[in-house]
Protein backbone atom coordinates (compact mmCIF):
# COMPACT_ATOMS: atom_id res chain seq x y z
CA MET A 1 29.56 -37.82 7.14
CA SER A 2 26.53 -35.57 6.30
CA ILE A 3 26.74 -32.42 4.99
CA GLU A 4 22.96 -30.32 5.81
CA LYS A 5 22.02 -27.97 3.23
CA GLU A 6 20.64 -24.98 4.53
CA GLU A 7 17.18 -23.84 2.40
CA VAL A 8 18.27 -19.66 1.27
CA VAL A 9 14.72 -18.56 -0.03
CA VAL A 10 14.83 -15.70 -2.13
CA LEU A 11 12.33 -13.53 -2.12
CA PRO A 12 11.45 -11.68 -5.59
CA THR A 13 12.15 -8.21 -5.44
CA GLN A 14 8.32 -6.15 -5.54
CA LYS A 15 9.06 -2.51 -6.65
CA VAL A 16 6.38 -0.50 -5.12
CA SER A 17 4.38 1.61 -6.79
CA CYS A 18 2.05 4.49 -5.37
CA THR A 19 -0.41 4.45 -8.54
CA LYS A 20 -2.82 2.62 -7.16
CA SER A 21 -2.77 4.47 -4.22
CA PHE A 22 -3.29 8.13 -5.90
CA ASP A 23 -5.61 6.95 -8.01
CA ALA A 24 -7.80 5.47 -4.98
CA LEU A 25 -7.28 8.85 -3.58
CA TRP A 26 -8.44 10.91 -6.97
CA PHE A 27 -11.95 8.96 -7.41
CA CYS A 28 -12.53 9.37 -3.80
CA TYR A 29 -12.77 13.23 -4.13
CA SER A 30 -14.79 12.97 -6.89
CA PRO A 31 -18.40 14.13 -7.40
CA VAL A 32 -19.24 11.03 -7.63
CA HIS A 33 -18.05 9.38 -5.08
CA GLN A 34 -18.97 12.42 -2.71
CA LEU A 35 -22.46 12.51 -3.66
CA GLN A 36 -22.53 8.44 -3.42
CA GLN A 37 -21.40 8.40 -0.07
CA TYR A 38 -24.05 11.46 0.20
CA TYR A 39 -26.94 9.65 -0.36
CA ARG A 40 -26.21 6.56 1.14
CA LEU A 41 -24.66 7.69 4.69
CA GLY A 42 -25.88 11.62 4.69
CA SER A 43 -22.08 12.77 5.38
CA LEU A 44 -19.15 13.41 2.79
CA ASP A 45 -15.94 11.24 2.55
CA ASN A 46 -12.88 13.13 4.52
CA CYS A 47 -11.14 10.39 2.08
CA SER A 48 -8.33 10.54 5.30
CA GLY A 49 -8.06 6.66 4.84
CA LYS A 50 -6.49 7.05 1.26
CA TRP A 51 -4.38 10.03 2.60
CA SER A 52 -2.61 7.29 5.06
CA ALA A 53 -2.29 4.78 1.96
CA VAL A 54 -0.57 7.15 -0.03
CA VAL A 55 1.62 8.34 2.84
CA ASP A 56 3.09 5.63 3.49
CA CYS A 57 3.63 4.80 -0.17
CA LEU A 58 5.80 7.64 -0.50
CA LYS A 59 7.51 6.40 2.94
CA LEU A 60 8.25 3.04 1.80
CA LYS A 61 9.73 4.71 -2.09
CA THR A 62 12.32 6.67 0.16
CA LYS A 63 13.05 3.68 1.98
CA ARG A 64 16.52 1.22 1.25
CA SER A 65 14.53 -1.81 -0.71
CA HIS A 66 16.55 -4.39 1.79
CA GLU A 67 14.46 -2.41 3.92
CA VAL A 68 11.08 -2.56 1.75
CA GLN A 69 11.11 -6.18 1.53
CA GLU A 70 11.50 -6.99 5.22
CA ILE A 71 8.27 -4.62 5.43
CA LEU A 72 6.43 -6.05 2.57
CA VAL A 73 6.67 -9.68 3.85
CA THR A 74 5.68 -8.78 7.14
CA ARG A 75 2.45 -6.82 6.02
CA GLU A 76 1.90 -10.36 4.09
CA ARG A 77 1.48 -12.29 7.72
């Protein structure tokens, strides 16, 4: 008789932190960044990508932990 062992992969729980997203959004609206964008591109940055990152992060904070883990694993692929 051979007994096959099933491998169970246990993922470490990842805590979602929105600090980096908020910092990036804060910096995006700073005069330094806006003047730099105006100098380089001739227009101000509307920071829409940063807003999207903050909204996505806040949405993840409202979900259950197993749902968050599934979403983070699919994003890593």
